[in-house]
Amino acid sequence: MPESATALAIRPAHVGDVPLILAFIRELAEYEHAPDEVVATEALLRDRLFGEQPAAEVLIAEADGLPAGFALFFHTFSTWKARRGLWLEDLFVRPQFRGAGVGLALMRQLAHIAVQRDCARFEWSVLDWNTPAIAFYRRLGATGQDEWTTQRMQGEALAALAAQARP
């Protein structure tokens, strides 16, 4: 792949992109050394991204007409700012397109969406071992939020706590 693609396009995903989105998710999981953690299916993605109440949105990057990467994002809310935020859940660029401006184009489009929708902030997480991504984000002007730690509850722990809720 050349230093920059001759034709780079970023577009919103449509329901016909579900197989491609799932392929990107699986490729990202491979990159993050967690391929067995993907339980998403085309049916689930179709419903959750394009059903009655979409939970997230997806941008597709195409370089020279080929699917090069994707970004999956959704809105958060800041109580202190009383405004929405934009949360980038996943950003992935296929290896052969890295260094060609695909990730930058996706991030620019996401920033544009955040500003256009009057979001107070644009945030995401990055694995601490992913130094190329961290360096990329720093070049864009992002800052690490080291004073915050992500907490997660899932599986049995989530079910156990939910079972303690009052009806």
Protein backbone atom coordinates (compact mmCIF):
# COMPACT_ATOMS: atom_id res chain seq x y z
CA MET A 1 0.00 0.00 0.00
CA PRO A 2 1.44 3.40 -0.89
CA GLU A 3 2.22 6.05 1.74
CA SER A 4 -1.30 7.45 1.21
CA ALA A 5 -4.21 5.92 -0.63
CA THR A 6 -5.09 7.58 -3.92
CA ALA A 7 -8.79 7.50 -3.06
CA LEU A 8 -9.81 7.41 0.59
CA ALA A 9 -13.49 7.52 1.51
CA ILE A 10 -15.19 7.45 4.91
CA ARG A 11 -18.88 6.63 4.96
CA PRO A 12 -21.55 5.60 7.43
CA ALA A 13 -22.14 1.86 7.47
CA HIS A 14 -25.43 0.45 6.22
CA VAL A 15 -27.14 -2.83 7.01
CA GLY A 16 -25.48 -4.50 4.02
CA ASP A 17 -22.11 -3.91 5.71
CA VAL A 18 -22.89 -6.22 8.65
CA PRO A 19 -20.72 -9.12 7.32
CA LEU A 20 -17.83 -6.69 6.78
CA ILE A 21 -18.28 -5.16 10.25
CA LEU A 22 -18.16 -8.62 11.81
CA ALA A 23 -15.02 -9.42 9.80
CA PHE A 24 -13.39 -6.21 11.07
CA ILE A 25 -14.38 -7.09 14.66
CA ARG A 26 -12.81 -10.54 14.31
CA GLU A 27 -9.63 -9.08 12.80
CA LEU A 28 -9.41 -6.57 15.66
CA ALA A 29 -9.84 -9.37 18.21
CA GLU A 30 -6.99 -11.27 16.55
CA TYR A 31 -4.79 -8.17 16.75
CA GLU A 32 -5.67 -7.75 20.44
CA HIS A 33 -4.86 -11.42 21.16
CA ALA A 34 -8.48 -12.22 22.09
CA PRO A 35 -10.09 -14.01 19.13
CA ASP A 36 -12.10 -16.36 21.34
CA GLU A 37 -13.85 -13.46 23.07
CA VAL A 38 -15.89 -12.47 20.01
CA VAL A 39 -19.45 -13.73 20.41
CA ALA A 40 -21.02 -11.17 18.08
CA THR A 41 -23.01 -12.56 15.17
CA GLU A 42 -24.37 -10.96 12.05
CA ALA A 43 -27.89 -11.21 13.49
CA LEU A 44 -26.89 -9.46 16.72
CA LEU A 45 -25.03 -6.72 14.88
CA ARG A 46 -27.90 -6.21 12.45
CA ASP A 47 -30.30 -5.75 15.35
CA ARG A 48 -28.04 -3.66 17.61
CA LEU A 49 -26.66 -1.39 14.89
CA PHE A 50 -29.60 -1.10 12.49
CA GLY A 51 -32.67 -2.21 14.46
CA GLU A 52 -35.36 -0.13 16.15
CA GLN A 53 -33.03 1.25 18.82
CA PRO A 54 -29.48 1.35 17.44
CA ALA A 55 -26.91 1.14 20.22
CA ALA A 56 -23.98 2.37 18.16
CA GLU A 57 -22.91 3.68 14.78
CA VAL A 58 -20.17 2.57 12.42
CA LEU A 59 -17.98 4.36 9.91
CA ILE A 60 -16.36 2.36 7.11
CA ALA A 61 -13.09 3.47 5.55
CA GLU A 62 -12.39 2.49 1.96
CA ALA A 63 -9.02 2.98 0.31
CA ASP A 64 -8.96 2.74 -3.45
CA GLY A 65 -12.40 1.11 -3.24
CA LEU A 66 -11.27 -1.61 -0.82
CA PRO A 67 -12.53 -1.97 2.77
CA ALA A 68 -9.62 -0.66 4.84
CA GLY A 69 -10.95 -0.10 8.35
CA PHE A 70 -13.80 0.83 10.59
CA ALA A 71 -14.76 2.81 13.67
CA LEU A 72 -17.63 1.86 15.96
CA PHE A 73 -18.87 4.62 18.27
CA PHE A 74 -21.77 5.71 20.45
CA HIS A 75 -22.84 8.58 22.68
CA THR A 76 -22.14 8.98 26.37
CA PHE A 77 -23.36 11.75 28.66
CA SER A 78 -21.42 14.06 30.97
CA THR A 79 -23.42 15.12 34.00
CA TRP A 80 -20.93 17.87 34.79
CA LYS A 81 -21.11 19.31 31.28
CA ALA A 82 -24.78 18.40 30.69
CA ARG A 83 -23.80 17.40 27.16
CA ARG A 84 -23.25 14.26 25.19
CA GLY A 85 -19.85 12.81 24.51
CA LEU A 86 -18.66 10.54 21.74
CA TRP A 87 -17.14 7.22 22.78
CA LEU A 88 -14.99 5.37 20.27
CA GLU A 89 -15.38 1.69 21.11
CA ASP A 90 -13.29 0.27 18.29
CA LEU A 91 -10.96 1.63 15.65
CA PHE A 92 -9.29 -0.85 13.34
CA VAL A 93 -7.28 -0.48 10.16
CA ARG A 94 -6.26 -3.55 8.22
CA PRO A 95 -2.47 -4.06 8.26
CA GLN A 96 -1.96 -3.45 4.54
CA PHE A 97 -3.57 0.02 4.90
CA ARG A 98 -1.72 1.18 8.00
CA GLY A 99 0.41 4.25 7.44
CA ALA A 100 -1.76 5.34 4.52
CA GLY A 101 -3.86 7.86 6.45
CA VAL A 102 -6.88 5.61 7.04
CA GLY A 103 -6.82 5.86 10.85
CA LEU A 104 -6.28 9.60 10.65
CA ALA A 105 -9.24 9.99 8.27
CA LEU A 106 -11.48 7.98 10.60
CA MET A 107 -10.41 10.03 13.63
CA ARG A 108 -10.95 13.29 11.75
CA GLN A 109 -14.45 12.20 10.76
CA LEU A 110 -15.25 11.17 14.33
CA ALA A 111 -14.01 14.52 15.63
CA HIS A 112 -16.18 16.25 13.02
CA ILE A 113 -19.22 14.26 14.16
CA ALA A 114 -18.49 15.11 17.81
CA VAL A 115 -18.25 18.83 17.05
CA GLN A 116 -21.28 18.77 14.75
CA ARG A 117 -23.36 17.05 17.46
CA ASP A 118 -22.16 19.47 20.16
CA CYS A 119 -20.36 16.79 22.15
CA ALA A 120 -18.36 17.97 25.15
CA ARG A 121 -15.65 15.38 24.54
CA PHE A 122 -14.42 12.53 22.38
CA GLU A 123 -13.00 9.60 24.34
CA TRP A 124 -11.76 6.03 23.96
CA SER A 125 -9.63 3.41 25.65
CA VAL A 126 -6.44 1.90 24.34
CA LEU A 127 -4.62 -1.17 25.57
CA ASP A 128 -1.49 -0.20 27.48
CA TRP A 129 0.72 -2.47 25.34
CA ASN A 130 -0.48 -0.93 22.07
CA THR A 131 2.32 1.61 21.80
CA PRO A 132 1.80 2.35 18.07
CA ALA A 133 -1.82 3.34 18.77
CA ILE A 134 -0.88 5.37 21.84
CA ALA A 135 1.76 7.26 19.84
CA PHE A 136 -0.77 7.87 17.04
CA TYR A 137 -3.33 9.27 19.50
CA ARG A 138 -0.72 11.52 21.15
CA ARG A 139 0.23 12.91 17.71
CA LEU A 140 -3.44 13.83 17.26
CA GLY A 141 -3.43 15.77 20.53
CA ALA A 142 -5.15 13.22 22.79
CA THR A 143 -4.10 13.02 26.42
CA GLY A 144 -4.13 9.99 28.68
CA GLN A 145 -6.48 10.03 31.64
CA ASP A 146 -4.20 8.22 34.06
CA GLU A 147 -6.17 9.29 37.10
CA TRP A 148 -9.16 7.25 35.91
CA THR A 149 -9.27 3.47 35.80
CA THR A 150 -11.81 1.51 33.82
CA GLN A 151 -14.00 -0.84 35.81
CA ARG A 152 -15.87 -3.74 34.26
CA MET A 153 -18.55 -6.10 35.43
CA GLN A 154 -19.72 -8.94 33.22
CA GLY A 155 -20.87 -12.55 33.23
CA GLU A 156 -21.58 -14.14 36.60
CA ALA A 157 -20.67 -11.03 38.62
CA LEU A 158 -23.13 -8.91 36.61
CA ALA A 159 -25.88 -11.52 36.91
CA ALA A 160 -25.30 -11.88 40.67
CA LEU A 161 -25.51 -8.13 41.30
CA ALA A 162 -28.57 -7.79 39.07
CA ALA A 163 -30.30 -10.59 41.00
CA GLN A 164 -30.00 -8.45 44.13
CA ALA A 165 -32.06 -5.60 42.65
CA ARG A 166 -35.50 -4.92 44.04
CA PRO A 167 -38.32 -5.35 41.54
